[in-house]
């Protein structure tokens, strides 16, 4: 099971650091435009390779910016 931080574990400096990457900002922008619709990782394939995207999703999840479900 994937670990997500609790609200108390989320820190603004970590969130801002994670959002300092253009690929992660693009992912977040796509998510924001789609609203509450769940998306598959494959929907972001134009932003990078599968392994590269997995890395970026993990960083966003660890910072508490996104929630990922298998």
Protein backbone atom coordinates (compact mmCIF):
# COMPACT_ATOMS: atom_id res chain seq x y z
CA UNK A 1 0.00 0.00 0.00
CA UNK A 2 1.24 3.48 -0.83
CA UNK A 3 2.04 5.77 2.06
CA UNK A 4 0.48 9.24 2.09
CA UNK A 5 1.39 11.88 4.67
CA UNK A 6 -1.15 12.98 7.22
CA UNK A 7 -2.22 16.62 7.21
CA UNK A 8 0.13 17.25 10.15
CA UNK A 9 3.08 15.83 8.20
CA UNK A 10 2.64 18.15 5.19
CA UNK A 11 5.02 21.11 5.23
CA UNK A 12 4.87 24.20 3.07
CA UNK A 13 8.63 24.24 2.32
CA UNK A 14 8.46 20.64 1.09
CA UNK A 15 5.38 21.34 -1.06
CA UNK A 16 7.03 24.40 -2.60
CA UNK A 17 10.24 22.47 -3.26
CA UNK A 18 8.32 19.70 -5.01
CA UNK A 19 6.45 22.24 -7.15
CA UNK A 20 9.75 23.77 -8.27
CA UNK A 21 9.96 21.18 -11.06
CA UNK A 22 8.33 21.93 -14.43
CA UNK A 23 7.17 18.36 -15.02
CA UNK A 24 5.49 18.20 -11.62
CA UNK A 25 3.85 21.57 -12.25
CA UNK A 26 2.57 20.28 -15.59
CA UNK A 27 1.15 17.17 -13.88
CA UNK A 28 -0.56 19.33 -11.28
CA UNK A 29 -1.93 21.66 -13.97
CA UNK A 30 -3.43 18.71 -15.85
CA UNK A 31 -4.98 17.41 -12.64
CA UNK A 32 -6.43 20.83 -11.81
CA UNK A 33 -8.00 21.17 -15.27
CA UNK A 34 -9.64 17.75 -14.95
CA UNK A 35 -11.23 18.50 -11.57
CA UNK A 36 -12.20 15.53 -9.43
CA UNK A 37 -12.00 13.02 -12.28
CA UNK A 38 -9.60 10.17 -11.42
CA UNK A 39 -6.85 9.77 -14.00
CA UNK A 40 -4.58 6.90 -14.98
CA UNK A 41 -0.83 7.43 -15.10
CA UNK A 42 -0.95 6.75 -18.85
CA UNK A 43 -2.85 10.03 -19.31
CA UNK A 44 0.42 11.88 -18.67
CA UNK A 45 2.61 9.96 -21.14
CA UNK A 46 3.33 13.10 -23.16
CA UNK A 47 5.18 14.53 -20.15
CA UNK A 48 7.83 11.81 -19.95
CA UNK A 49 8.70 8.14 -19.76
CA UNK A 50 6.85 5.76 -17.44
CA UNK A 51 9.76 5.55 -14.99
CA UNK A 52 10.25 9.32 -15.02
CA UNK A 53 6.57 9.92 -14.35
CA UNK A 54 6.57 7.35 -11.53
CA UNK A 55 9.38 9.32 -9.89
CA UNK A 56 7.46 12.61 -10.19
CA UNK A 57 4.20 11.07 -8.93
CA UNK A 58 6.07 9.68 -5.91
CA UNK A 59 7.54 13.10 -5.08
CA UNK A 60 4.11 14.75 -5.35
CA UNK A 61 2.52 12.01 -3.22
CA UNK A 62 5.25 12.13 -0.55
CA UNK A 63 4.79 15.89 -0.23
CA UNK A 64 1.03 15.45 0.17
CA UNK A 65 0.15 17.27 -3.04
CA UNK A 66 -1.62 14.34 -4.73
CA UNK A 67 -3.27 11.11 -3.65
CA UNK A 68 -2.37 7.98 -5.61
CA UNK A 69 -4.37 4.76 -5.59
CA UNK A 70 -3.30 1.52 -7.28
